[in-house]
Amino acid sequence: MSVSRPPEPALSPEPAASRQGPDVPTLLVKIFGKDRPGITAGLFDTLAAYSVDVVDIEQVVTRGRIVLCALVTAPTAGGTTEGELRATVHSWAESLKLQAEIISGTGDNRPRGVGRSHVTVLGHPLTAESTAAIAARITSTGGNIDRIFRLAKYPVTAVEFAVSGTGTEELRTALAPEAAGIGVDVAVVSAGLSRRAQRLVVMDVDSTLIQDEVIELFAAHAGCEAEVAEVTERAMRGELDFEQSLHARVALLAGLDVSVVEKVRAEVRLTPGARTLIRTLKRLGYQVGVVSGGFTQVTDDLKERLGLDFASANTLEVVDGKLTGRVTGDIVDRAGKARLLRSFAAEAGVPLAQTVAIGDGANDLDMLNTAGLGVAFNAKPVVREAAHTAVNVPFLDTVLYLLGVTREEVEAADGLVE
């Protein structure tokens, strides 16, 4: 027997045109002064006597000073007049030693332009000159700055601009060279629900998640640091590709006792902010992984210690308790990192558009360009130029600001009892 289902409840109806239409008289009420508890409640208690509707509210407190703006419909009930409302609001404000300004007009805010983005700016410090340059460049693309909000004041100053009226890619293209020229970091991401969706964050390991180059730590125990450094230099000059240089360097480790693995693990130094970044991402429900041209003997340990969801790297071959100077399995190279990012995303059920990749070297470029947001972290110039955005401060947790997470939210989460 089929049972008829009741219709889905309708969304709340739009306000009647007679109350909040584009031609309805409205008042912009602005309050300025020293902040204290009760100002917002007091203003709306005062306005309530005139039966006005609230159309919009915006409030900002900076260094103890409040700016409170309320857009309300003009009074129409009970024979009261706009003049009476003005007099009452000014009298209330004066009683609290606040300033009030009331501007007459019609309708609501004008619609925001098509194309909306979040522009995050990191400065250490953030100067007035650099802020002016970024704002001017946004304007030059046809964008309008709708709102500015501070995300963090340390270890860097991070502010976010809500921009409308221009495309995200156009903004990113315009702001990247400007940011590089004035010495700030800028990230541009699309606005919308996707920014709040679950994400996958995948990081390089050497000189990104950790401060070290793992092969150099092994080489120090084998007494072949100079030889490994020479092979690395040849690779950087383009004389060897990654796979060739990897095999050449690993060959120098032949005969090293496997007990050195534990010593190398103990020597690894996490990048400042790495634990905070991963801990916060996990609390937000994100999945986090690492891909490395280094070795599973180290990345597996990092995965366990840091609670990572994914980890992949090359594996040093061990026979009879000794390193053979060879690696086993598929090589994790530049193309391999991008392939693993796709694999992790598929396993996590996260679209590539919702992935974030972080790395510092040319070996990370394919991965950075495959991700929805590629972040060059203290990277070589060629990587900074090719990535979506760059972070040039030595704190890995600043990546959180690019995702819209504030320092206060990080600290509040750290204060929770788990």
Protein backbone atom coordinates (compact mmCIF):
# COMPACT_ATOMS: atom_id res chain seq x y z
CA MET A 1 0.00 0.00 0.00
CA SER A 2 1.43 3.32 -0.96
CA VAL A 3 1.36 6.10 1.54
CA SER A 4 1.27 9.65 0.33
CA ARG A 5 3.95 11.86 1.78
CA PRO A 6 3.22 15.37 2.97
CA PRO A 7 4.80 18.07 0.84
CA GLU A 8 8.23 19.37 1.81
CA PRO A 9 7.96 22.51 3.92
CA ALA A 10 8.59 25.62 1.91
CA LEU A 11 11.48 27.91 2.67
CA SER A 12 10.68 31.02 4.63
CA PRO A 13 8.95 33.50 2.34
CA GLU A 14 10.69 36.63 1.22
CA PRO A 15 9.74 39.77 3.17
CA ALA A 16 6.67 41.47 1.77
CA ALA A 17 7.50 44.10 -0.81
CA SER A 18 5.65 46.64 1.24
CA ARG A 19 8.14 46.14 4.08
CA GLN A 20 11.56 45.60 2.50
CA GLY A 21 11.29 46.20 -1.23
CA PRO A 22 13.90 48.17 -3.20
CA ASP A 23 11.87 51.39 -2.99
CA VAL A 24 10.96 51.17 0.68
CA PRO A 25 12.45 53.99 2.79
CA THR A 26 15.27 52.75 5.03
CA LEU A 27 17.57 54.29 7.63
CA LEU A 28 21.25 53.50 8.11
CA VAL A 29 21.94 53.93 11.83
CA LYS A 30 25.67 54.18 12.69
CA ILE A 31 26.99 54.14 16.25
CA PHE A 32 30.61 54.93 17.19
CA GLY A 33 32.44 55.02 20.49
CA LYS A 34 34.04 53.12 23.34
CA ASP A 35 32.87 49.53 23.43
CA ARG A 36 31.13 48.10 26.48
CA PRO A 37 28.60 45.33 27.13
CA GLY A 38 25.01 46.13 26.18
CA ILE A 39 25.45 48.60 23.32
CA THR A 40 23.94 46.37 20.65
CA ALA A 41 21.01 45.35 22.86
CA GLY A 42 20.47 48.97 23.87
CA LEU A 43 20.33 50.23 20.29
CA PHE A 44 17.79 47.65 19.21
CA ASP A 45 15.72 48.15 22.36
CA THR A 46 15.56 51.81 21.39
CA LEU A 47 14.60 51.01 17.78
CA ALA A 48 12.00 48.45 18.88
CA ALA A 49 9.71 51.24 20.09
CA TYR A 50 9.27 52.28 16.43
CA SER A 51 8.32 48.82 15.04
CA VAL A 52 11.07 48.87 12.42
CA ASP A 53 12.36 45.78 10.58
CA VAL A 54 16.06 44.95 10.63
CA VAL A 55 17.44 44.69 7.08
CA ASP A 56 21.17 44.39 7.81
CA ILE A 57 23.63 44.59 10.72
CA GLU A 58 27.40 44.98 10.81
CA GLN A 59 29.53 45.41 13.93
CA VAL A 60 33.29 45.78 14.33
CA VAL A 61 35.35 46.31 17.48
CA THR A 62 38.93 47.51 17.05
CA ARG A 63 41.17 48.38 20.00
CA GLY A 64 38.15 48.80 22.24
CA ARG A 65 36.22 51.07 19.86
CA ILE A 66 32.93 49.93 18.37
CA VAL A 67 31.41 50.71 14.99
CA LEU A 68 27.85 49.38 14.86
CA CYS A 69 25.76 49.79 11.72
CA ALA A 70 22.08 48.84 11.46
CA LEU A 71 20.02 49.18 8.30
CA VAL A 72 16.31 49.33 9.26
CA THR A 73 13.04 50.22 7.62
CA ALA A 74 11.72 53.70 8.34
CA PRO A 75 9.00 53.88 11.05
CA THR A 76 5.45 53.58 9.75
CA ALA A 77 3.32 52.32 12.64
CA GLY A 78 1.53 54.23 15.40
CA GLY A 79 1.89 57.63 13.82
CA THR A 80 5.57 57.93 14.81
CA THR A 81 7.91 59.84 12.54
CA GLU A 82 11.48 59.47 11.36
CA GLY A 83 12.32 62.65 13.23
CA GLU A 84 11.16 61.15 16.52
CA LEU A 85 13.26 58.04 15.91
CA ARG A 86 16.30 60.19 15.14
CA ALA A 87 15.86 62.22 18.31
CA THR A 88 15.44 59.12 20.46
CA VAL A 89 18.51 57.36 19.03
CA HIS A 90 20.69 60.46 19.45
CA SER A 91 19.49 60.89 23.04
CA TRP A 92 20.25 57.23 23.84
CA ALA A 93 23.71 57.50 22.26
CA GLU A 94 24.57 60.68 24.17
CA SER A 95 23.57 59.03 27.44
CA LEU A 96 26.30 56.45 26.80
CA LYS A 97 28.81 58.99 25.47
CA LEU A 98 28.53 57.48 21.99
CA GLN A 99 28.18 59.19 18.62
CA ALA A 100 25.25 58.45 16.31
CA GLU A 101 24.71 59.15 12.62
CA ILE A 102 21.48 58.35 10.76
CA ILE A 103 21.31 58.42 6.96
CA SER A 104 18.03 58.20 5.02
CA GLY A 105 17.73 56.19 1.83
CA THR A 106 15.77 53.44 0.11
CA GLY A 107 16.08 49.68 -0.08
CA ASP A 108 18.91 47.34 0.89
CA ASN A 109 22.59 47.13 -0.10
CA ARG A 110 23.23 46.92 -3.81
CA PRO A 111 23.73 43.33 -5.04
CA ARG A 112 27.32 42.09 -4.94
CA GLY A 113 29.00 41.66 -8.30
CA VAL A 114 29.29 38.32 -10.06
CA GLY A 115 32.43 36.44 -9.07
CA ARG A 116 33.31 36.18 -5.40
CA SER A 117 36.63 35.34 -3.81
CA HIS A 118 38.50 35.37 -0.54
CA VAL A 119 41.87 37.11 -0.73
CA THR A 120 44.10 36.26 2.23
CA VAL A 121 47.13 38.48 2.80
CA LEU A 122 50.00 37.49 5.12
CA GLY A 123 52.56 40.08 6.20
CA HIS A 124 55.47 39.96 8.60
CA PRO A 125 54.76 42.82 9.20
CA LEU A 126 51.82 43.92 7.07
CA THR A 127 52.54 47.53 6.13
CA ALA A 128 50.16 50.28 5.03
CA GLU A 129 52.07 50.49 1.75
CA SER A 130 51.58 46.80 0.93
CA THR A 131 47.91 46.90 1.96
CA ALA A 132 47.35 49.88 -0.35
CA ALA A 133 49.06 48.07 -3.22
CA ILE A 134 46.92 44.94 -2.80
CA ALA A 135 43.71 46.97 -2.53
CA ALA A 136 44.60 48.99 -5.64
CA ARG A 137 45.36 45.85 -7.64
CA ILE A 138 42.00 44.33 -6.64
CA THR A 139 40.27 47.49 -7.84
CA SER A 140 42.22 47.43 -11.13
CA THR A 141 40.69 44.03 -11.96
CA GLY A 142 37.18 45.42 -11.52
CA GLY A 143 36.79 43.86 -8.09
CA ASN A 144 35.08 45.46 -5.12
CA ILE A 145 36.23 44.88 -1.54
CA ASP A 146 33.05 44.08 0.39
CA ARG A 147 34.58 43.25 3.76
CA ILE A 148 37.96 42.98 5.49
CA PHE A 149 38.56 40.76 8.50
CA ARG A 150 41.69 40.01 10.54
CA LEU A 151 42.47 36.31 10.86
CA ALA A 152 45.63 36.51 12.98
CA LYS A 153 48.03 38.97 14.55
CA TYR A 154 50.88 36.52 15.20
CA PRO A 155 53.17 34.89 14.23
CA VAL A 156 52.19 36.90 11.15
CA THR A 157 49.48 39.45 10.48
CA ALA A 158 46.82 37.79 8.34
CA VAL A 159 43.81 39.62 6.91
CA GLU A 160 41.08 38.44 4.58
CA PHE A 161 39.39 40.52 1.88
CA ALA A 162 35.95 39.43 0.64
CA VAL A 163 35.95 40.50 -3.00
CA SER A 164 33.20 40.47 -5.61
CA GLY A 165 32.89 41.58 -9.20
CA THR A 166 35.81 39.70 -10.73
CA GLY A 167 36.88 36.11 -11.32
CA THR A 168 39.06 34.16 -8.91
CA GLU A 169 41.64 33.23 -11.55
CA GLU A 170 41.84 36.80 -12.81
CA LEU A 171 42.42 38.03 -9.25
CA ARG A 172 45.04 35.37 -8.61
CA THR A 173 46.91 36.23 -11.81
CA ALA A 174 46.87 39.95 -11.00
CA LEU A 175 47.84 39.67 -7.34
CA ALA A 176 50.66 37.10 -7.55
CA PRO A 177 53.30 39.40 -9.10
CA GLU A 178 52.13 42.33 -6.97
CA ALA A 179 52.57 40.28 -3.80
CA ALA A 180 56.02 39.06 -4.82
CA GLY A 181 57.12 42.61 -5.57
CA ILE A 182 56.07 44.03 -2.21
CA GLY A 183 57.08 41.08 -0.05
CA VAL A 184 53.75 39.75 1.21
CA ASP A 185 52.04 36.40 0.68
CA VAL A 186 48.63 36.36 -0.98
CA ALA A 187 46.20 33.49 -1.53
CA VAL A 188 43.04 33.75 -3.63
CA VAL A 189 40.30 31.13 -3.35
CA SER A 190 36.72 31.00 -4.55
CA ALA A 191 34.01 31.92 -2.07
CA GLY A 192 31.06 29.68 -1.43
CA LEU A 193 30.08 26.50 0.37
CA SER A 194 33.05 24.58 -1.04
CA ARG A 195 35.40 26.47 1.24
CA ARG A 196 33.66 24.98 4.27
CA ALA A 197 33.55 21.43 2.91
CA GLN A 198 35.82 18.65 4.12
CA ARG A 199 39.22 18.79 2.51
CA LEU A 200 42.31 16.72 1.99
CA VAL A 201 45.68 18.34 2.72
CA VAL A 202 48.80 16.63 1.35
CA MET A 203 52.32 17.79 2.18
CA ASP A 204 55.83 17.17 1.01
CA VAL A 205 58.10 16.07 3.85
CA ASP A 206 61.71 17.26 3.42
CA SER A 207 62.02 21.02 4.06
CA THR A 208 58.23 21.28 4.36
CA LEU A 209 56.78 19.11 7.14
CA ILE A 210 60.28 18.73 8.57
CA GLN A 211 63.27 21.04 8.53
CA ASP A 212 65.68 18.36 7.32
CA GLU A 213 66.57 16.44 4.16
CA VAL A 214 66.26 12.82 5.23
CA ILE A 215 68.86 11.48 2.80
CA GLU A 216 71.39 13.88 4.28
CA LEU A 217 70.67 12.56 7.77
CA PHE A 218 71.38 9.02 6.56
CA ALA A 219 74.46 10.23 4.68
CA ALA A 220 75.87 11.78 7.87
CA HIS A 221 75.84 8.34 9.52
CA ALA A 222 77.43 6.76 6.43
CA GLY A 223 80.15 9.42 6.26
CA CYS A 224 79.25 10.38 2.70
CA GLU A 225 77.62 13.80 3.16
CA ALA A 226 79.87 15.51 0.62
CA GLU A 227 79.23 12.87 -2.03
CA VAL A 228 75.45 13.04 -1.53
CA ALA A 229 75.57 16.84 -1.68
CA GLU A 230 77.50 16.66 -4.96
CA VAL A 231 74.88 14.39 -6.54
CA THR A 232 72.14 16.71 -5.30
CA GLU A 233 73.90 19.66 -6.93
CA ARG A 234 74.13 17.77 -10.24
CA ALA A 235 70.40 17.12 -10.09
CA MET A 236 69.70 20.79 -9.38
CA ARG A 237 71.81 21.72 -12.41
CA GLY A 238 69.66 19.43 -14.53
CA GLU A 239 72.42 16.89 -15.17
CA LEU A 240 70.39 14.13 -13.49
CA ASP A 241 66.65 13.62 -13.18
CA PHE A 242 65.14 12.79 -9.80
CA GLU A 243 65.15 9.02 -10.25
CA GLN A 244 68.77 8.99 -11.38
CA SER A 245 69.85 11.20 -8.49
CA LEU A 246 67.87 9.11 -6.01
CA HIS A 247 69.54 5.88 -7.11
CA ALA A 248 72.97 7.54 -7.11
CA ARG A 249 72.55 8.90 -3.57
CA VAL A 250 71.00 5.77 -2.10
CA ALA A 251 73.86 3.68 -3.53
CA LEU A 252 76.20 5.61 -1.24
CA LEU A 253 74.33 4.24 1.79
CA ALA A 254 75.11 0.60 0.96
CA GLY A 255 76.31 -1.36 4.00
CA LEU A 256 74.82 1.00 6.58
CA ASP A 257 73.40 -0.91 9.55
CA VAL A 258 69.60 -0.80 9.76
CA SER A 259 69.86 0.40 13.37
CA VAL A 260 70.61 3.84 11.95
CA VAL A 261 66.91 4.20 11.04
CA GLU A 262 65.97 4.78 14.67
CA LYS A 263 68.76 7.35 15.02
CA VAL A 264 67.57 9.24 11.95
CA ARG A 265 63.97 9.21 13.20
CA ALA A 266 65.16 10.77 16.46
CA GLU A 267 67.09 13.47 14.57
CA VAL A 268 64.15 14.62 12.43
CA ARG A 269 63.01 18.15 13.37
CA LEU A 270 59.45 19.16 12.63
CA THR A 271 58.92 22.56 11.03
CA PRO A 272 57.58 25.17 13.49
CA GLY A 273 53.80 25.05 13.43
CA ALA A 274 53.62 21.54 11.92
CA ARG A 275 51.94 19.93 14.92
CA THR A 276 49.48 22.84 15.23
CA LEU A 277 48.59 22.64 11.54
CA ILE A 278 47.91 18.91 11.59
CA ARG A 279 46.12 18.92 14.95
CA THR A 280 43.81 21.75 13.85
CA LEU A 281 43.08 20.20 10.45
CA LYS A 282 42.16 16.90 12.10
CA ARG A 283 39.84 18.68 14.53
CA LEU A 284 38.14 20.33 11.57
CA GLY A 285 37.51 16.88 10.08
CA TYR A 286 40.08 17.23 7.32
CA GLN A 287 42.19 14.30 6.17
CA VAL A 288 45.95 14.83 6.06
CA GLY A 289 48.69 12.99 4.23
CA VAL A 290 52.33 13.19 3.19
CA VAL A 291 54.14 12.20 0.01
CA SER A 292 57.89 12.16 -0.09
CA GLY A 293 60.83 11.48 -2.33
CA GLY A 294 62.44 10.32 0.93
CA PHE A 295 61.88 7.03 2.65
CA THR A 296 59.06 5.08 4.29
CA GLN A 297 61.41 4.26 7.13
CA VAL A 298 60.82 7.88 8.23
CA THR A 299 57.37 8.73 6.81
CA ASP A 300 55.73 5.69 8.44
CA ASP A 301 57.01 6.90 11.80
CA LEU A 302 55.73 10.42 11.12
CA LYS A 303 52.33 9.01 10.14
CA GLU A 304 52.04 7.20 13.46
CA ARG A 305 53.38 10.07 15.58
CA LEU A 306 51.24 12.77 13.99
CA GLY A 307 48.07 10.79 13.32
CA LEU A 308 48.22 11.21 9.54
CA ASP A 309 45.70 9.51 7.30
CA PHE A 310 48.01 8.84 4.36
CA ALA A 311 51.75 8.49 3.81
CA SER A 312 53.77 7.33 0.83
CA ALA A 313 57.48 7.45 0.01
CA ASN A 314 60.32 5.38 -1.40
CA THR A 315 61.52 2.36 0.59
CA LEU A 316 65.14 1.61 1.36
CA GLU A 317 65.92 -2.06 0.75
CA VAL A 318 67.26 -3.95 3.78
CA VAL A 319 68.92 -7.38 3.60
CA ASP A 320 70.47 -9.14 6.60
CA GLY A 321 70.20 -6.03 8.73
CA LYS A 322 72.03 -3.80 6.25
CA LEU A 323 70.96 -1.19 3.69
CA THR A 324 71.68 -2.55 0.22
CA GLY A 325 71.97 0.84 -1.46
CA ARG A 326 68.80 0.22 -3.44
CA VAL A 327 65.13 1.19 -3.17
CA THR A 328 62.20 -1.14 -3.72
CA GLY A 329 58.84 -0.58 -5.41
CA ASP A 330 57.64 2.33 -7.51
CA ILE A 331 59.66 5.52 -7.30
CA VAL A 332 57.88 8.52 -5.77
CA ASP A 333 59.07 11.29 -8.07
CA ARG A 334 57.48 14.47 -9.41
CA ALA A 335 54.80 12.65 -11.41
CA GLY A 336 54.38 10.10 -8.63
CA LYS A 337 53.46 12.78 -6.09
CA ALA A 338 50.64 14.07 -8.30
CA ARG A 339 49.47 10.50 -8.89
CA LEU A 340 49.41 9.82 -5.14
CA LEU A 341 47.47 13.02 -4.48
CA ARG A 342 44.78 11.79 -6.87
CA SER A 343 44.82 8.36 -5.23
CA PHE A 344 44.52 9.79 -1.71
CA ALA A 345 41.67 12.06 -2.83
CA ALA A 346 39.79 9.15 -4.37
CA GLU A 347 40.22 7.06 -1.23
CA ALA A 348 39.17 9.97 0.99
CA GLY A 349 36.15 10.72 -1.18
CA VAL A 350 37.29 14.31 -1.67
CA PRO A 351 37.12 16.01 -5.12
CA LEU A 352 40.47 17.29 -6.39
CA ALA A 353 39.04 20.81 -6.27
CA GLN A 354 38.85 20.39 -2.49
CA THR A 355 42.48 19.30 -2.05
CA VAL A 356 45.38 21.38 -0.79
CA ALA A 357 49.00 20.51 -1.59
CA ILE A 358 52.03 22.02 0.15
CA GLY A 359 55.63 21.71 -1.03
CA ASP A 360 58.90 23.52 -1.58
CA GLY A 361 60.74 22.00 -4.54
CA ALA A 362 60.46 21.44 -8.27
CA ASN A 363 59.66 17.82 -7.45
CA ASP A 364 56.37 19.08 -5.95
CA LEU A 365 55.21 21.14 -8.92
CA ASP A 366 52.93 18.55 -10.52
CA MET A 367 51.27 17.92 -7.16
CA LEU A 368 50.83 21.65 -6.47
CA ASN A 369 49.24 22.21 -9.87
CA THR A 370 46.96 19.17 -9.55
CA ALA A 371 45.50 20.28 -6.22
CA GLY A 372 42.64 22.72 -5.88
CA LEU A 373 45.04 24.97 -3.94
CA GLY A 374 48.80 24.57 -4.31
CA VAL A 375 50.90 26.28 -1.63
CA ALA A 376 54.63 26.86 -2.17
CA PHE A 377 56.17 26.84 1.32
CA ASN A 378 59.48 28.73 1.57
CA ALA A 379 60.07 27.46 -1.93
CA LYS A 380 62.55 28.00 -4.71
CA PRO A 381 61.64 30.89 -7.07
CA VAL A 382 60.52 28.59 -9.90
CA VAL A 383 58.09 26.88 -7.51
CA ARG A 384 56.75 30.15 -6.08
CA GLU A 385 56.01 31.41 -9.58
CA ALA A 386 54.16 28.25 -10.61
CA ALA A 387 52.11 27.60 -7.47
CA HIS A 388 48.70 29.09 -6.73
CA THR A 389 50.09 30.87 -3.69
CA ALA A 390 53.27 31.10 -1.64
CA VAL A 391 54.02 31.27 2.07
CA ASN A 392 57.43 32.70 2.86
CA VAL A 393 57.43 32.68 6.65
CA PRO A 394 58.88 29.74 8.64
CA PHE A 395 55.61 28.73 10.31
CA LEU A 396 53.70 25.89 8.69
CA ASP A 397 50.49 26.61 10.59
CA THR A 398 50.07 29.88 8.66
CA VAL A 399 48.55 27.68 5.95
CA LEU A 400 45.45 27.55 8.19
CA TYR A 401 44.82 31.24 7.50
CA LEU A 402 44.62 30.49 3.78
CA LEU A 403 41.71 28.19 4.63
CA GLY A 404 39.92 30.93 6.57
CA VAL A 405 40.78 29.57 10.03
CA THR A 406 41.55 32.31 12.57
CA ARG A 407 44.22 32.25 15.25
CA GLU A 408 41.52 32.58 17.89
CA GLU A 409 39.83 29.45 16.56
CA VAL A 410 43.11 27.54 16.68
CA GLU A 411 43.76 28.58 20.25
CA ALA A 412 40.18 27.87 21.32
CA ALA A 413 40.43 24.37 19.89
CA ASP A 414 43.75 23.83 21.70
CA GLY A 415 42.04 24.80 24.96
CA LEU A 416 39.42 22.09 24.65
CA VAL A 417 39.70 19.02 26.87
CA GLU A 418 39.98 16.02 24.64
